[in-house]
Amino acid sequence: MNRTCPSCQKEVRDDDLMCPHCSELILDDPQENKAYICPVCGAENPQGVKSCQFCCSILPEIIS
């Protein structure tokens, strides 16, 4: 069974965690698809990470 990527709207497999077309993270809960933008390099990082996965800068803690 397949599902649709929330970013590019293309079809992806159910077990894909990242869209093979646009590299968007695809999580079961749409709230978990929110990304943190690194203030240093501008890269999108998945919710919950402590440091940027691209430039390794420490991300500010976001209080919800």
C-alpha atoms as a PDB file:
ATOM      1  CA  MET A   1       0.000   0.000   0.000  1.00  0.00           C
ATOM      2  CA  ASN A   2       1.248   3.510  -0.736  1.00  0.00           C
ATOM      3  CA  ARG A   3       0.675   6.998   0.639  1.00  0.00           C
ATOM      4  CA  THR A   4       1.208  10.561  -0.575  1.00  0.00           C
ATOM      5  CA  CYS A   5       4.126  12.813   0.396  1.00  0.00           C
ATOM      6  CA  PRO A   6       2.773  15.880   2.229  1.00  0.00           C
ATOM      7  CA  SER A   7       5.338  18.102   0.515  1.00  0.00           C
ATOM      8  CA  CYS A   8       5.477  17.141  -3.174  1.00  0.00           C
ATOM      9  CA  GLN A   9       2.216  15.132  -3.331  1.00  0.00           C
ATOM     10  CA  LYS A  10       3.920  12.211  -5.099  1.00  0.00           C
ATOM     11  CA  GLU A  11       3.255   8.613  -4.172  1.00  0.00           C
ATOM     12  CA  VAL A  12       5.680   6.950  -1.726  1.00  0.00           C
ATOM     13  CA  ARG A  13       5.788   3.530  -0.078  1.00  0.00           C
ATOM     14  CA  ASP A  14       4.213   3.126   3.366  1.00  0.00           C
ATOM     15  CA  ASP A  15       7.553   2.183   4.927  1.00  0.00           C
ATOM     16  CA  ASP A  16       9.445   5.223   3.535  1.00  0.00           C
ATOM     17  CA  LEU A  17      10.506   7.704   6.218  1.00  0.00           C
ATOM     18  CA  MET A  18      11.885  10.128   3.628  1.00  0.00           C
ATOM     19  CA  CYS A  19      10.340  10.970   0.275  1.00  0.00           C
ATOM     20  CA  PRO A  20      12.546   9.620  -2.538  1.00  0.00           C
ATOM     21  CA  HIS A  21      11.387  12.494  -4.759  1.00  0.00           C
ATOM     22  CA  CYS A  22      11.868  15.607  -2.588  1.00  0.00           C
ATOM     23  CA  SER A  23      13.734  14.252   0.508  1.00  0.00           C
ATOM     24  CA  GLU A  24      11.007  15.488   2.882  1.00  0.00           C
ATOM     25  CA  LEU A  25      10.716  13.570   6.155  1.00  0.00           C
ATOM     26  CA  ILE A  26       7.454  11.624   6.260  1.00  0.00           C
ATOM     27  CA  LEU A  27       6.265  10.703   9.732  1.00  0.00           C
ATOM     28  CA  ASP A  28       3.023   9.037  10.815  1.00  0.00           C
ATOM     29  CA  ASP A  29       1.839  12.039  12.832  1.00  0.00           C
ATOM     30  CA  PRO A  30       1.595  15.204  10.679  1.00  0.00           C
ATOM     31  CA  GLN A  31       2.552  17.300  13.742  1.00  0.00           C
ATOM     32  CA  GLU A  32       5.914  15.497  13.741  1.00  0.00           C
ATOM     33  CA  ASN A  33       6.635  16.691  10.190  1.00  0.00           C
ATOM     34  CA  LYS A  34       7.419  20.190  11.482  1.00  0.00           C
ATOM     35  CA  ALA A  35      11.017  21.185  10.862  1.00  0.00           C
ATOM     36  CA  TYR A  36      13.326  23.424  12.843  1.00  0.00           C
ATOM     37  CA  ILE A  37      15.285  25.919  10.772  1.00  0.00           C
ATOM     38  CA  CYS A  38      18.930  26.276  11.799  1.00  0.00           C
ATOM     39  CA  PRO A  39      19.686  29.953  12.565  1.00  0.00           C
ATOM     40  CA  VAL A  40      23.273  29.506  11.327  1.00  0.00           C
ATOM     41  CA  CYS A  41      22.967  27.684   7.977  1.00  0.00           C
ATOM     42  CA  GLY A  42      19.202  27.814   7.331  1.00  0.00           C
ATOM     43  CA  ALA A  43      18.859  24.037   6.948  1.00  0.00           C
ATOM     44  CA  GLU A  44      15.653  22.261   7.939  1.00  0.00           C
ATOM     45  CA  ASN A  45      16.066  19.775  10.785  1.00  0.00           C
ATOM     46  CA  PRO A  46      13.480  17.310  12.093  1.00  0.00           C
ATOM     47  CA  GLN A  47      11.673  18.154  15.299  1.00  0.00           C
ATOM     48  CA  GLY A  48      13.437  17.055  18.468  1.00  0.00           C
ATOM     49  CA  VAL A  49      17.065  17.230  17.344  1.00  0.00           C
ATOM     50  CA  LYS A  50      19.467  19.184  19.558  1.00  0.00           C
ATOM     51  CA  SER A  51      21.982  20.173  16.872  1.00  0.00           C
ATOM     52  CA  CYS A  52      21.801  20.907  13.145  1.00  0.00           C
ATOM     53  CA  GLN A  53      22.344  17.765  11.104  1.00  0.00           C
ATOM     54  CA  PHE A  54      24.154  19.793   8.451  1.00  0.00           C
ATOM     55  CA  CYS A  55      26.424  22.325  10.203  1.00  0.00           C
ATOM     56  CA  CYS A  56      26.363  20.814  13.746  1.00  0.00           C
ATOM     57  CA  SER A  57      25.354  24.108  15.380  1.00  0.00           C
ATOM     58  CA  ILE A  58      23.365  23.800  18.598  1.00  0.00           C
ATOM     59  CA  LEU A  59      19.692  24.552  17.893  1.00  0.00           C
ATOM     60  CA  PRO A  60      17.817  26.804  20.325  1.00  0.00           C
ATOM     61  CA  GLU A  61      15.340  25.000  22.546  1.00  0.00           C
ATOM     62  CA  ILE A  62      11.801  25.708  21.415  1.00  0.00           C
ATOM     63  CA  ILE A  63       9.176  25.790  24.141  1.00  0.00           C
ATOM     64  CA  SER A  64       5.681  25.007  22.934  1.00  0.00           C
END
